[in-house]
Amino acid sequence: FTILRLTNSYGVPTFKDTNKWYLALNDFVKMSFKKQEIVMNSNGKSKRDMIYMQDVANIVSKIVKEKATNEIYNLSANK
């Protein structure tokens, strides 16, 4: 077995008509393009650890090639 625990990830949506535009980073991009501004609906002090989806894909590919490791991995930017 291998368990991958994923933190928040980000990346370019595969399709522009995706229903995932509500995700924070996707919403910021869409809002900045359409409205020329970014509006945060919070006090701006919350912190999130984010990892790029291509990094996740690379890690998963490497683990699949190595076979099961009987380990648990936390996939994050560690920030």
Protein backbone atom coordinates (compact mmCIF):
# COMPACT_ATOMS: atom_id res chain seq x y z
CA PHE A 1 0.00 0.00 0.00
CA THR A 2 0.92 3.63 -0.41
CA ILE A 3 -1.19 6.43 1.04
CA LEU A 4 -0.94 9.93 -0.38
CA ARG A 5 -2.41 12.71 1.75
CA LEU A 6 -2.92 15.76 -0.48
CA THR A 7 -2.99 19.33 0.75
CA ASN A 8 -4.53 22.12 -1.37
CA SER A 9 -3.40 21.86 -4.97
CA TYR A 10 -3.60 24.27 -7.88
CA GLY A 11 -3.14 24.18 -11.61
CA VAL A 12 -4.73 25.17 -14.87
CA PRO A 13 -8.17 23.63 -15.35
CA THR A 14 -8.26 21.15 -18.23
CA PHE A 15 -11.46 22.63 -19.63
CA LYS A 16 -12.60 26.27 -19.52
CA ASP A 17 -16.18 25.13 -18.90
CA THR A 18 -15.17 23.28 -15.72
CA ASN A 19 -17.35 23.72 -12.65
CA LYS A 20 -14.26 24.24 -10.46
CA TRP A 21 -13.98 28.01 -10.90
CA TYR A 22 -15.17 28.43 -7.30
CA LEU A 23 -11.79 27.14 -6.04
CA ALA A 24 -9.83 30.07 -4.58
CA LEU A 25 -6.95 30.32 -7.05
CA ASN A 26 -9.14 29.57 -10.06
CA ASP A 27 -11.60 32.20 -8.85
CA PHE A 28 -8.81 34.79 -8.44
CA VAL A 29 -7.65 34.20 -12.02
CA LYS A 30 -11.17 34.38 -13.43
CA MET A 31 -12.03 37.46 -11.37
CA SER A 32 -8.84 39.30 -12.34
CA PHE A 33 -9.46 38.56 -16.03
CA LYS A 34 -13.14 39.49 -16.05
CA LYS A 35 -13.22 42.36 -13.52
CA GLN A 36 -9.58 43.54 -13.55
CA GLU A 37 -9.54 43.13 -9.76
CA ILE A 38 -9.37 40.46 -7.09
CA VAL A 39 -11.79 40.64 -4.16
CA MET A 40 -11.16 38.45 -1.12
CA ASN A 41 -14.17 37.59 1.02
CA SER A 42 -12.14 37.18 4.20
CA ASN A 43 -9.82 39.21 6.37
CA GLY A 44 -6.89 37.99 4.22
CA LYS A 45 -4.99 36.49 7.15
CA SER A 46 -5.74 32.81 6.56
CA LYS A 47 -2.83 30.68 5.37
CA ARG A 48 -3.00 27.65 3.11
CA ASP A 49 -0.33 25.24 2.02
CA MET A 50 -0.54 24.83 -1.75
CA ILE A 51 1.18 22.41 -4.11
CA TYR A 52 1.23 22.64 -7.90
CA MET A 53 -0.78 19.84 -9.53
CA GLN A 54 2.07 18.95 -11.92
CA ASP A 55 4.27 18.31 -8.87
CA VAL A 56 1.57 15.99 -7.53
CA ALA A 57 1.43 14.17 -10.88
CA ASN A 58 5.22 13.78 -10.90
CA ILE A 59 5.24 12.37 -7.36
CA VAL A 60 2.41 9.94 -8.12
CA SER A 61 4.19 8.79 -11.28
CA LYS A 62 7.40 8.17 -9.35
CA ILE A 63 5.61 6.24 -6.60
CA VAL A 64 3.71 4.11 -9.14
CA LYS A 65 6.98 3.19 -10.84
CA GLU A 66 8.55 2.22 -7.51
CA LYS A 67 5.56 0.01 -6.61
CA ALA A 68 3.94 -0.07 -3.18
CA THR A 69 6.15 1.18 -0.37
CA ASN A 70 3.92 0.61 2.66
CA GLU A 71 4.29 4.29 3.50
CA ILE A 72 2.16 7.38 4.04
CA TYR A 73 3.20 10.56 2.22
CA ASN A 74 1.96 14.09 2.88
CA LEU A 75 2.00 15.94 -0.44
CA SER A 76 2.42 19.63 0.27
CA ALA A 77 4.75 22.57 -0.31
CA ASN A 78 5.58 22.36 3.40
CA LYS A 79 4.83 26.03 3.95
